[in-house]
Amino acid sequence: KNISSTDIIKCLNELNEDLEDNKNEINSTKLEISTLNERINLLKTRNHELLEKNNNLMEQQFNSMSSNHDESLKLRKENIEYQSNINLIKQENETIKNNLNEEKLENETI
């Protein structure tokens, strides 16, 4: 079959149009990729900021818990000391009471 020069020109024009379409699609895809890369970078930055904030909050919470724990231990220790002192005072009071009772009995016998 003979192909006319008009058919060849028509075919070349169609190929050229397809090539232009492909170039436009490639450029559009490149722009889309660039936009997505920018968004990825923004999200990475935001994610990093949130991780830092979360780490700081966890550290503050840990320090607060640690401080509360230390304070609780201190108060328990003080409570034990106070209870010990109270027991000593009770014993001293009992001893003084017994001594007084003994002296009272001695005075009654005199």
PDB file of N, CA and C in Angstrom:
ATOM      1  N   LYS A   1       0.847  -1.186   0.000  1.00  0.00           N
ATOM      2  CA  LYS A   1       0.000   0.000   0.000  1.00  0.00           C
ATOM      3  C   LYS A   1       0.883   1.237   0.000  1.00  0.00           C
ATOM      4  N   ASN A   2       0.534   2.177  -0.820  1.00  0.00           N
ATOM      5  CA  ASN A   2       1.265   3.437  -0.911  1.00  0.00           C
ATOM      6  C   ASN A   2       0.777   4.411   0.150  1.00  0.00           C
ATOM      7  N   ILE A   3       1.756   5.056   0.762  1.00  0.00           N
ATOM      8  CA  ILE A   3       1.407   6.065   1.756  1.00  0.00           C
ATOM      9  C   ILE A   3       1.714   7.409   1.121  1.00  0.00           C
ATOM     10  N   SER A   4       0.735   8.250   1.186  1.00  0.00           N
ATOM     11  CA  SER A   4       0.922   9.574   0.571  1.00  0.00           C
ATOM     12  C   SER A   4       1.678  10.481   1.527  1.00  0.00           C
ATOM     13  N   SER A   5       2.248  11.522   0.975  1.00  0.00           N
ATOM     14  CA  SER A   5       2.965  12.484   1.802  1.00  0.00           C
ATOM     15  C   SER A   5       2.010  13.190   2.759  1.00  0.00           C
ATOM     16  N   THR A   6       0.779  13.348   2.383  1.00  0.00           N
ATOM     17  CA  THR A   6      -0.229  13.959   3.254  1.00  0.00           C
ATOM     18  C   THR A   6      -0.460  13.074   4.471  1.00  0.00           C
ATOM     19  N   ASP A   7      -0.524  11.762   4.217  1.00  0.00           N
ATOM     20  CA  ASP A   7      -0.710  10.817   5.338  1.00  0.00           C
ATOM     21  C   ASP A   7       0.491  10.868   6.279  1.00  0.00           C
ATOM     22  N   ILE A   8       1.671  10.980   5.714  1.00  0.00           N
ATOM     23  CA  ILE A   8       2.886  11.037   6.539  1.00  0.00           C
ATOM     24  C   ILE A   8       2.894  12.315   7.369  1.00  0.00           C
ATOM     25  N   ILE A   9       2.544  13.430   6.738  1.00  0.00           N
ATOM     26  CA  ILE A   9       2.497  14.707   7.462  1.00  0.00           C
ATOM     27  C   ILE A   9       1.439  14.648   8.561  1.00  0.00           C
ATOM     28  N   LYS A  10       0.291  14.043   8.238  1.00  0.00           N
ATOM     29  CA  LYS A  10      -0.781  13.912   9.224  1.00  0.00           C
ATOM     30  C   LYS A  10      -0.313  13.057  10.409  1.00  0.00           C
ATOM     31  N   CYS A  11       0.349  11.980  10.094  1.00  0.00           N
ATOM     32  CA  CYS A  11       0.864  11.085  11.141  1.00  0.00           C
ATOM     33  C   CYS A  11       1.907  11.800  11.997  1.00  0.00           C
ATOM     34  N   LEU A  12       2.809  12.537  11.344  1.00  0.00           N
ATOM     35  CA  LEU A  12       3.829  13.289  12.085  1.00  0.00           C
ATOM     36  C   LEU A  12       3.195  14.350  12.974  1.00  0.00           C
ATOM     37  N   ASN A  13       2.166  15.005  12.487  1.00  0.00           N
ATOM     38  CA  ASN A  13       1.451  16.001  13.289  1.00  0.00           C
ATOM     39  C   ASN A  13       0.803  15.355  14.518  1.00  0.00           C
ATOM     40  N   GLU A  14       0.208  14.200  14.341  1.00  0.00           N
ATOM     41  CA  GLU A  14      -0.408  13.474  15.458  1.00  0.00           C
ATOM     42  C   GLU A  14       0.653  13.064  16.484  1.00  0.00           C
ATOM     43  N   LEU A  15       1.792  12.573  15.971  1.00  0.00           N
ATOM     44  CA  LEU A  15       2.887  12.204  16.873  1.00  0.00           C
ATOM     45  C   LEU A  15       3.403  13.419  17.640  1.00  0.00           C
ATOM     46  N   ASN A  16       3.491  14.533  16.924  1.00  0.00           N
ATOM     47  CA  ASN A  16       3.951  15.765  17.558  1.00  0.00           C
ATOM     48  C   ASN A  16       2.963  16.218  18.639  1.00  0.00           C
ATOM     49  N   GLU A  17       1.670  16.098  18.354  1.00  0.00           N
ATOM     50  CA  GLU A  17       0.647  16.449  19.350  1.00  0.00           C
ATOM     51  C   GLU A  17       0.743  15.516  20.563  1.00  0.00           C
ATOM     52  N   ASP A  18       0.933  14.238  20.294  1.00  0.00           N
ATOM     53  CA  ASP A  18       1.084  13.265  21.394  1.00  0.00           C
ATOM     54  C   ASP A  18       2.317  13.609  22.235  1.00  0.00           C
ATOM     55  N   LEU A  19       3.393  13.997  21.529  1.00  0.00           N
ATOM     56  CA  LEU A  19       4.608  14.368  22.239  1.00  0.00           C
ATOM     57  C   LEU A  19       4.352  15.581  23.128  1.00  0.00           C
ATOM     58  N   GLU A  20       3.656  16.570  22.624  1.00  0.00           N
ATOM     59  CA  GLU A  20       3.330  17.769  23.416  1.00  0.00           C
ATOM     60  C   GLU A  20       2.457  17.395  24.609  1.00  0.00           C
ATOM     61  N   ASP A  21       1.480  16.541  24.370  1.00  0.00           N
ATOM     62  CA  ASP A  21       0.617  16.078  25.468  1.00  0.00           C
ATOM     63  C   ASP A  21       1.450  15.386  26.553  1.00  0.00           C
ATOM     64  N   ASN A  22       2.358  14.526  26.096  1.00  0.00           N
ATOM     65  CA  ASN A  22       3.223  13.814  27.048  1.00  0.00           C
ATOM     66  C   ASN A  22       4.111  14.782  27.829  1.00  0.00           C
ATOM     67  N   LYS A  23       4.667  15.786  27.117  1.00  0.00           N
ATOM     68  CA  LYS A  23       5.497  16.783  27.797  1.00  0.00           C
ATOM     69  C   LYS A  23       4.677  17.536  28.848  1.00  0.00           C
ATOM     70  N   ASN A  24       3.456  17.919  28.472  1.00  0.00           N
ATOM     71  CA  ASN A  24       2.593  18.638  29.416  1.00  0.00           C
ATOM     72  C   ASN A  24       2.240  17.760  30.621  1.00  0.00           C
ATOM     73  N   GLU A  25       1.984  16.518  30.368  1.00  0.00           N
ATOM     74  CA  GLU A  25       1.660  15.593  31.466  1.00  0.00           C
ATOM     75  C   GLU A  25       2.870  15.405  32.388  1.00  0.00           C
ATOM     76  N   ILE A  26       4.050  15.293  31.779  1.00  0.00           N
ATOM     77  CA  ILE A  26       5.277  15.154  32.580  1.00  0.00           C
ATOM     78  C   ILE A  26       5.489  16.404  33.439  1.00  0.00           C
ATOM     79  N   ASN A  27       5.306  17.573  32.855  1.00  0.00           N
ATOM     80  CA  ASN A  27       5.467  18.817  33.615  1.00  0.00           C
ATOM     81  C   ASN A  27       4.440  18.909  34.748  1.00  0.00           C
ATOM     82  N   SER A  28       3.238  18.523  34.461  1.00  0.00           N
ATOM     83  CA  SER A  28       2.188  18.528  35.482  1.00  0.00           C
ATOM     84  C   SER A  28       2.531  17.558  36.614  1.00  0.00           C
ATOM     85  N   THR A  29       3.031  16.386  36.248  1.00  0.00           N
ATOM     86  CA  THR A  29       3.419  15.385  37.255  1.00  0.00           C
ATOM     87  C   THR A  29       4.597  15.884  38.081  1.00  0.00           C
ATOM     88  N   LYS A  30       5.558  16.552  37.420  1.00  0.00           N
ATOM     89  CA  LYS A  30       6.700  17.120  38.148  1.00  0.00           C
ATOM     90  C   LYS A  30       6.229  18.150  39.167  1.00  0.00           C
ATOM     91  N   LEU A  31       5.285  18.993  38.754  1.00  0.00           N
ATOM     92  CA  LEU A  31       4.748  20.008  39.657  1.00  0.00           C
ATOM     93  C   LEU A  31       4.036  19.344  40.845  1.00  0.00           C
ATOM     94  N   GLU A  32       3.274  18.319  40.544  1.00  0.00           N
ATOM     95  CA  GLU A  32       2.565  17.587  41.599  1.00  0.00           C
ATOM     96  C   GLU A  32       3.561  16.945  42.577  1.00  0.00           C
ATOM     97  N   ILE A  33       4.622  16.362  42.035  1.00  0.00           N
ATOM     98  CA  ILE A  33       5.661  15.742  42.883  1.00  0.00           C
ATOM     99  C   ILE A  33       6.332  16.806  43.746  1.00  0.00           C
ATOM    100  N   SER A  34       6.623  17.942  43.152  1.00  0.00           N
ATOM    101  CA  SER A  34       7.247  19.026  43.903  1.00  0.00           C
ATOM    102  C   SER A  34       6.343  19.494  45.041  1.00  0.00           C
ATOM    103  N   THR A  35       5.064  19.645  44.762  1.00  0.00           N
ATOM    104  CA  THR A  35       4.097  20.048  45.788  1.00  0.00           C
ATOM    105  C   THR A  35       4.015  19.004  46.894  1.00  0.00           C
ATOM    106  N   LEU A  36       4.007  17.740  46.514  1.00  0.00           N
ATOM    107  CA  LEU A  36       3.958  16.671  47.510  1.00  0.00           C
ATOM    108  C   LEU A  36       5.233  16.629  48.349  1.00  0.00           C
ATOM    109  N   ASN A  37       6.369  16.869  47.723  1.00  0.00           N
ATOM    110  CA  ASN A  37       7.632  16.916  48.474  1.00  0.00           C
ATOM    111  C   ASN A  37       7.636  18.066  49.489  1.00  0.00           C
ATOM    112  N   GLU A  38       7.109  19.211  49.082  1.00  0.00           N
ATOM    113  CA  GLU A  38       7.005  20.332  50.021  1.00  0.00           C
ATOM    114  C   GLU A  38       6.112  19.955  51.203  1.00  0.00           C
ATOM    115  N   ARG A  39       5.014  19.308  50.904  1.00  0.00           N
ATOM    116  CA  ARG A  39       4.089  18.886  51.965  1.00  0.00           C
ATOM    117  C   ARG A  39       4.753  17.866  52.894  1.00  0.00           C
ATOM    118  N   ILE A  40       5.496  16.940  52.305  1.00  0.00           N
ATOM    119  CA  ILE A  40       6.223  15.941  53.113  1.00  0.00           C
ATOM    120  C   ILE A  40       7.191  16.642  54.057  1.00  0.00           C
ATOM    121  N   ASN A  41       7.926  17.625  53.533  1.00  0.00           N
ATOM    122  CA  ASN A  41       8.892  18.352  54.365  1.00  0.00           C
ATOM    123  C   ASN A  41       8.197  19.105  55.500  1.00  0.00           C
ATOM    124  N   LEU A  42       7.061  19.724  55.192  1.00  0.00           N
ATOM    125  CA  LEU A  42       6.302  20.420  56.239  1.00  0.00           C
ATOM    126  C   LEU A  42       5.822  19.437  57.304  1.00  0.00           C
ATOM    127  N   LEU A  43       5.335  18.283  56.852  1.00  0.00           N
ATOM    128  CA  LEU A  43       4.841  17.275  57.800  1.00  0.00           C
ATOM    129  C   LEU A  43       5.979  16.699  58.638  1.00  0.00           C
ATOM    130  N   LYS A  44       7.138  16.519  58.014  1.00  0.00           N
ATOM    131  CA  LYS A  44       8.302  16.035  58.771  1.00  0.00           C
ATOM    132  C   LYS A  44       8.685  17.038  59.855  1.00  0.00           C
ATOM    133  N   THR A  45       8.701  18.310  59.473  1.00  0.00           N
ATOM    134  CA  THR A  45       9.035  19.365  60.444  1.00  0.00           C
ATOM    135  C   THR A  45       8.012  19.378  61.574  1.00  0.00           C
ATOM    136  N   ARG A  46       6.740  19.321  61.217  1.00  0.00           N
ATOM    137  CA  ARG A  46       5.676  19.333  62.238  1.00  0.00           C
ATOM    138  C   ARG A  46       5.783  18.094  63.127  1.00  0.00           C
ATOM    139  N   ASN A  47       6.055  16.968  62.522  1.00  0.00           N
ATOM    140  CA  ASN A  47       6.204  15.733  63.291  1.00  0.00           C
ATOM    141  C   ASN A  47       7.368  15.849  64.268  1.00  0.00           C
ATOM    142  N   HIS A  48       8.471  16.403  63.798  1.00  0.00           N
ATOM    143  CA  HIS A  48       9.639  16.595  64.659  1.00  0.00           C
ATOM    144  C   HIS A  48       9.296  17.522  65.830  1.00  0.00           C
ATOM    145  N   GLU A  49       8.585  18.608  65.533  1.00  0.00           N
ATOM    146  CA  GLU A  49       8.176  19.543  66.592  1.00  0.00           C
ATOM    147  C   GLU A  49       7.294  18.850  67.619  1.00  0.00           C
ATOM    148  N   LEU A  50       6.354  18.050  67.127  1.00  0.00           N
ATOM    149  CA  LEU A  50       5.448  17.349  68.047  1.00  0.00           C
ATOM    150  C   LEU A  50       6.195  16.312  68.885  1.00  0.00           C
ATOM    151  N   LEU A  51       7.156  15.632  68.281  1.00  0.00           N
ATOM    152  CA  LEU A  51       7.963  14.667  69.038  1.00  0.00           C
ATOM    153  C   LEU A  51       8.768  15.369  70.127  1.00  0.00           C
ATOM    154  N   GLU A  52       9.339  16.512  69.789  1.00  0.00           N
ATOM    155  CA  GLU A  52      10.093  17.289  70.781  1.00  0.00           C
ATOM    156  C   GLU A  52       9.176  17.730  71.920  1.00  0.00           C
ATOM    157  N   LYS A  53       8.018  18.227  71.542  1.00  0.00           N
ATOM    158  CA  LYS A  53       7.058  18.674  72.562  1.00  0.00           C
ATOM    159  C   LYS A  53       6.646  17.502  73.452  1.00  0.00           C
ATOM    160  N   ASN A  54       6.374  16.373  72.832  1.00  0.00           N
ATOM    161  CA  ASN A  54       5.986  15.182  73.585  1.00  0.00           C
ATOM    162  C   ASN A  54       7.116  14.745  74.518  1.00  0.00           C
ATOM    163  N   ASN A  55       8.339  14.741  74.018  1.00  0.00           N
ATOM    164  CA  ASN A  55       9.489  14.368  74.857  1.00  0.00           C
ATOM    165  C   ASN A  55       9.632  15.311  76.047  1.00  0.00           C
ATOM    166  N   ASN A  56       9.455  16.612  75.792  1.00  0.00           N
ATOM    167  CA  ASN A  56       9.555  17.589  76.873  1.00  0.00           C
ATOM    168  C   ASN A  56       8.463  17.365  77.916  1.00  0.00           C
ATOM    169  N   LEU A  57       7.245  17.096  77.438  1.00  0.00           N
ATOM    170  CA  LEU A  57       6.147  16.849  78.373  1.00  0.00           C
ATOM    171  C   LEU A  57       6.384  15.585  79.188  1.00  0.00           C
ATOM    172  N   MET A  58       6.893  14.553  78.531  1.00  0.00           N
ATOM    173  CA  MET A  58       7.176  13.308  79.253  1.00  0.00           C
ATOM    174  C   MET A  58       8.281  13.526  80.282  1.00  0.00           C
ATOM    175  N   GLU A  59       9.282  14.305  79.915  1.00  0.00           N
ATOM    176  CA  GLU A  59      10.369  14.591  80.850  1.00  0.00           C
ATOM    177  C   GLU A  59       9.842  15.386  82.050  1.00  0.00           C
ATOM    178  N   GLN A  60       8.989  16.380  81.775  1.00  0.00           N
ATOM    179  CA  GLN A  60       8.392  17.156  82.873  1.00  0.00           C
ATOM    180  C   GLN A  60       7.560  16.264  83.782  1.00  0.00           C
ATOM    181  N   GLN A  61       6.784  15.384  83.154  1.00  0.00           N
ATOM    182  CA  GLN A  61       5.954  14.470  83.950  1.00  0.00           C
ATOM    183  C   GLN A  61       6.832  13.551  84.792  1.00  0.00           C
ATOM    184  N   PHE A  62       7.889  13.037  84.207  1.00  0.00           N
ATOM    185  CA  PHE A  62       8.796  12.168  84.956  1.00  0.00           C
ATOM    186  C   PHE A  62       9.417  12.924  86.126  1.00  0.00           C
ATOM    187  N   ASN A  63       9.877  14.156  85.848  1.00  0.00           N
ATOM    188  CA  ASN A  63      10.486  14.954  86.923  1.00  0.00           C
ATOM    189  C   ASN A  63       9.479  15.245  88.022  1.00  0.00           C
ATOM    190  N   SER A  64       8.258  15.525  87.624  1.00  0.00           N
ATOM    191  CA  SER A  64       7.215  15.795  88.614  1.00  0.00           C
ATOM    192  C   SER A  64       6.929  14.552  89.449  1.00  0.00           C
ATOM    193  N   MET A  65       6.833  13.418  88.777  1.00  0.00           N
ATOM    194  CA  MET A  65       6.582  12.164  89.497  1.00  0.00           C
ATOM    195  C   MET A  65       7.753  11.849  90.421  1.00  0.00           C
ATOM    196  N   SER A  66       8.950  12.060  89.932  1.00  0.00           N
ATOM    197  CA  SER A  66      10.142  11.793  90.730  1.00  0.00           C
ATOM    198  C   SER A  66      10.161  12.709  91.952  1.00  0.00           C
ATOM    199  N   SER A  67       9.837  13.970  91.720  1.00  0.00           N
ATOM    200  CA  SER A  67       9.806  14.940  92.817  1.00  0.00           C
ATOM    201  C   SER A  67       8.733  14.557  93.837  1.00  0.00           C
ATOM    202  N   ASN A  68       7.571  14.161  93.336  1.00  0.00           N
ATOM    203  CA  ASN A  68       6.484  13.728  94.238  1.00  0.00           C
ATOM    204  C   ASN A  68       6.901  12.491  95.032  1.00  0.00           C
ATOM    205  N   HIS A  69       7.578  11.594  94.351  1.00  0.00           N
ATOM    206  CA  HIS A  69       8.039  10.373  95.017  1.00  0.00           C
ATOM    207  C   HIS A  69       9.048  10.724  96.120  1.00  0.00           C
ATOM    208  N   ASP A  70       9.986  11.603  95.787  1.00  0.00           N
ATOM    209  CA  ASP A  70      10.982  12.026  96.775  1.00  0.00           C
ATOM    210  C   ASP A  70      10.315  12.701  97.967  1.00  0.00           C
ATOM    211  N   GLU A  71       9.337  13.557  97.677  1.00  0.00           N
ATOM    212  CA  GLU A  71       8.616  14.253  98.748  1.00  0.00           C
ATOM    213  C   GLU A  71       7.852  13.253  99.613  1.00  0.00           C
ATOM    214  N   SER A  72       7.256  12.273  98.961  1.00  0.00           N
ATOM    215  CA  SER A  72       6.511  11.246  99.693  1.00  0.00           C
ATOM    216  C   SER A  72       7.435  10.455 100.608  1.00  0.00           C
ATOM    217  N   LEU A  73       8.610  10.077 100.094  1.00  0.00           N
ATOM    218  CA  LEU A  73       9.583   9.360 100.929  1.00  0.00           C
ATOM    219  C   LEU A  73      10.026  10.208 102.115  1.00  0.00           C
ATOM    220  N   LYS A  74      10.247  11.471 101.860  1.00  0.00           N
ATOM    221  CA  LYS A  74      10.668  12.387 102.920  1.00  0.00           C
ATOM    222  C   LYS A  74       9.581  12.470 103.998  1.00  0.00           C
ATOM    223  N   LEU A  75       8.334  12.615 103.555  1.00  0.00           N
ATOM    224  CA  LEU A  75       7.236  12.716 104.522  1.00  0.00           C
ATOM    225  C   LEU A  75       7.064  11.410 105.305  1.00  0.00           C
ATOM    226  N   ARG A  76       7.217  10.298 104.644  1.00  0.00           N
ATOM    227  CA  ARG A  76       7.133   9.008 105.358  1.00  0.00           C
ATOM    228  C   ARG A  76       8.234   8.889 106.400  1.00  0.00           C
ATOM    229  N   LYS A  77       9.425   9.302 106.018  1.00  0.00           N
ATOM    230  CA  LYS A  77      10.548   9.251 106.954  1.00  0.00           C
ATOM    231  C   LYS A  77      10.278  10.155 108.154  1.00  0.00           C
ATOM    232  N   GLU A  78       9.800  11.363 107.889  1.00  0.00           N
ATOM    233  CA  GLU A  78       9.464  12.281 108.986  1.00  0.00           C
ATOM    234  C   GLU A  78       8.381  11.686 109.878  1.00  0.00           C
ATOM    235  N   ASN A  79       7.387  11.067 109.263  1.00  0.00           N
ATOM    236  CA  ASN A  79       6.298  10.452 110.035  1.00  0.00           C
ATOM    237  C   ASN A  79       6.841   9.354 110.954  1.00  0.00           C
ATOM    238  N   ILE A  80       7.753   8.541 110.433  1.00  0.00           N
ATOM    239  CA  ILE A  80       8.356   7.478 111.259  1.00  0.00           C
ATOM    240  C   ILE A  80       9.125   8.100 112.424  1.00  0.00           C
ATOM    241  N   GLU A  81       9.864   9.176 112.128  1.00  0.00           N
ATOM    242  CA  GLU A  81      10.608   9.856 113.196  1.00  0.00           C
ATOM    243  C   GLU A  81       9.647  10.418 114.244  1.00  0.00           C
ATOM    244  N   TYR A  82       8.567  11.033 113.811  1.00  0.00           N
ATOM    245  CA  TYR A  82       7.593  11.591 114.752  1.00  0.00           C
ATOM    246  C   TYR A  82       6.957  10.485 115.593  1.00  0.00           C
ATOM    247  N   GLN A  83       6.618   9.392 114.941  1.00  0.00           N
ATOM    248  CA  GLN A  83       6.026   8.265 115.685  1.00  0.00           C
ATOM    249  C   GLN A  83       7.009   7.730 116.714  1.00  0.00           C
ATOM    250  N   SER A  84       8.265   7.662 116.329  1.00  0.00           N
ATOM    251  CA  SER A  84       9.294   7.200 117.256  1.00  0.00           C
ATOM    252  C   SER A  84       9.412   8.157 118.435  1.00  0.00           C
ATOM    253  N   ASN A  85       9.411   9.463 118.136  1.00  0.00           N
ATOM    254  CA  ASN A  85       9.478  10.462 119.209  1.00  0.00           C
ATOM    255  C   ASN A  85       8.260  10.381 120.123  1.00  0.00           C
ATOM    256  N   ILE A  86       7.094  10.186 119.525  1.00  0.00           N
ATOM    257  CA  ILE A  86       5.870  10.051 120.326  1.00  0.00           C
ATOM    258  C   ILE A  86       5.967   8.843 121.243  1.00  0.00           C
ATOM    259  N   ASN A  87       6.469   7.746 120.716  1.00  0.00           N
ATOM    260  CA  ASN A  87       6.623   6.537 121.541  1.00  0.00           C
ATOM    261  C   ASN A  87       7.609   6.777 122.684  1.00  0.00           C
ATOM    262  N   LEU A  88       8.716   7.465 122.393  1.00  0.00           N
ATOM    263  CA  LEU A  88       9.691   7.790 123.442  1.00  0.00           C
ATOM    264  C   LEU A  88       9.047   8.663 124.520  1.00  0.00           C
ATOM    265  N   ILE A  89       8.293   9.662 124.087  1.00  0.00           N
ATOM    266  CA  ILE A  89       7.632  10.549 125.052  1.00  0.00           C
ATOM    267  C   ILE A  89       6.614   9.769 125.885  1.00  0.00           C
ATOM    268  N   LYS A  90       5.894   8.854 125.238  1.00  0.00           N
ATOM    269  CA  LYS A  90       4.935   8.023 125.980  1.00  0.00           C
ATOM    270  C   LYS A  90       5.665   7.183 127.028  1.00  0.00           C
ATOM    271  N   GLN A  91       6.804   6.619 126.640  1.00  0.00           N
ATOM    272  CA  GLN A  91       7.579   5.809 127.590  1.00  0.00           C
ATOM    273  C   GLN A  91       8.083   6.680 128.747  1.00  0.00           C
ATOM    274  N   GLU A  92       8.585   7.853 128.419  1.00  0.00           N
ATOM    275  CA  GLU A  92       9.060   8.764 129.465  1.00  0.00           C
ATOM    276  C   GLU A  92       7.909   9.161 130.388  1.00  0.00           C
ATOM    277  N   ASN A  93       6.779   9.429 129.778  1.00  0.00           N
ATOM    278  CA  ASN A  93       5.597   9.807 130.554  1.00  0.00           C
ATOM    279  C   ASN A  93       5.193   8.671 131.494  1.00  0.00           C
ATOM    280  N   GLU A  94       5.247   7.461 130.965  1.00  0.00           N
ATOM    281  CA  GLU A  94       4.892   6.290 131.789  1.00  0.00           C
ATOM    282  C   GLU A  94       5.882   6.122 132.945  1.00  0.00           C
ATOM    283  N   THR A  95       7.148   6.310 132.638  1.00  0.00           N
ATOM    284  CA  THR A  95       8.182   6.203 133.679  1.00  0.00           C
ATOM    285  C   THR A  95       7.959   7.271 134.751  1.00  0.00           C
ATOM    286  N   ILE A  96       7.716   8.504 134.328  1.00  0.00           N
ATOM    287  CA  ILE A  96       7.473   9.589 135.286  1.00  0.00           C
ATOM    288  C   ILE A  96       6.228   9.293 136.105  1.00  0.00           C
ATOM    289  N   LYS A  97       5.212   8.802 135.462  1.00  0.00           N
ATOM    290  CA  LYS A  97       3.968   8.457 136.162  1.00  0.00           C
ATOM    291  C   LYS A  97       4.239   7.383 137.211  1.00  0.00           C
ATOM    292  N   ASN A  98       4.978   6.363 136.844  1.00  0.00           N
ATOM    293  CA  ASN A  98       5.320   5.288 137.791  1.00  0.00           C
ATOM    294  C   ASN A  98       6.140   5.833 138.959  1.00  0.00           C
ATOM    295  N   ASN A  99       7.092   6.697 138.649  1.00  0.00           N
ATOM    296  CA  ASN A  99       7.916   7.297 139.701  1.00  0.00           C
ATOM    297  C   ASN A  99       7.059   8.129 140.651  1.00  0.00           C
ATOM    298  N   LEU A 100       6.138   8.856 140.081  1.00  0.00           N
ATOM    299  CA  LEU A 100       5.242   9.667 140.913  1.00  0.00           C
ATOM    300  C   LEU A 100       4.368   8.784 141.816  1.00  0.00           C
ATOM    301  N   ASN A 101       3.898   7.687 141.227  1.00  0.00           N
ATOM    302  CA  ASN A 101       3.065   6.763 142.012  1.00  0.00           C
ATOM    303  C   ASN A 101       3.881   6.145 143.146  1.00  0.00           C
ATOM    304  N   GLU A 102       5.128   5.803 142.854  1.00  0.00           N
ATOM    305  CA  GLU A 102       5.995   5.252 143.892  1.00  0.00           C
ATOM    306  C   GLU A 102       6.227   6.268 145.015  1.00  0.00           C
ATOM    307  N   GLU A 103       6.500   7.517 144.619  1.00  0.00           N
ATOM    308  CA  GLU A 103       6.734   8.557 145.616  1.00  0.00           C
ATOM    309  C   GLU A 103       5.474   8.799 146.435  1.00  0.00           C
ATOM    310  N   LYS A 104       4.340   8.731 145.762  1.00  0.00           N
ATOM    311  CA  LYS A 104       3.055   8.936 146.455  1.00  0.00           C
ATOM    312  C   LYS A 104       2.864   7.839 147.506  1.00  0.00           C
ATOM    313  N   LEU A 105       3.170   6.597 147.113  1.00  0.00           N
ATOM    314  CA  LEU A 105       3.036   5.471 148.058  1.00  0.00           C
ATOM    315  C   LEU A 105       4.011   5.634 149.235  1.00  0.00           C
ATOM    316  N   GLU A 106       5.217   6.063 148.923  1.00  0.00           N
ATOM    317  CA  GLU A 106       6.202   6.270 149.988  1.00  0.00           C
ATOM    318  C   GLU A 106       5.748   7.363 150.944  1.00  0.00           C
ATOM    319  N   ASN A 107       5.171   8.417 150.399  1.00  0.00           N
ATOM    320  CA  ASN A 107       4.707   9.521 151.214  1.00  0.00           C
ATOM    321  C   ASN A 107       3.515   9.094 152.089  1.00  0.00           C
ATOM    322  N   GLU A 108       2.720   8.209 151.526  1.00  0.00           N
ATOM    323  CA  GLU A 108       1.555   7.734 152.303  1.00  0.00           C
ATOM    324  C   GLU A 108       2.006   6.849 153.454  1.00  0.00           C
ATOM    325  N   THR A 109       3.042   6.105 153.254  1.00  0.00           N
ATOM    326  CA  THR A 109       3.528   5.217 154.312  1.00  0.00           C
ATOM    327  C   THR A 109       4.271   5.990 155.389  1.00  0.00           C
ATOM    328  N   ILE A 110       4.711   7.142 155.111  1.00  0.00           N
ATOM    329  CA  ILE A 110       5.457   7.927 156.119  1.00  0.00           C
ATOM    330  C   ILE A 110       4.528   8.581 157.082  1.00  0.00           C
TER     331      ILE A 110
END
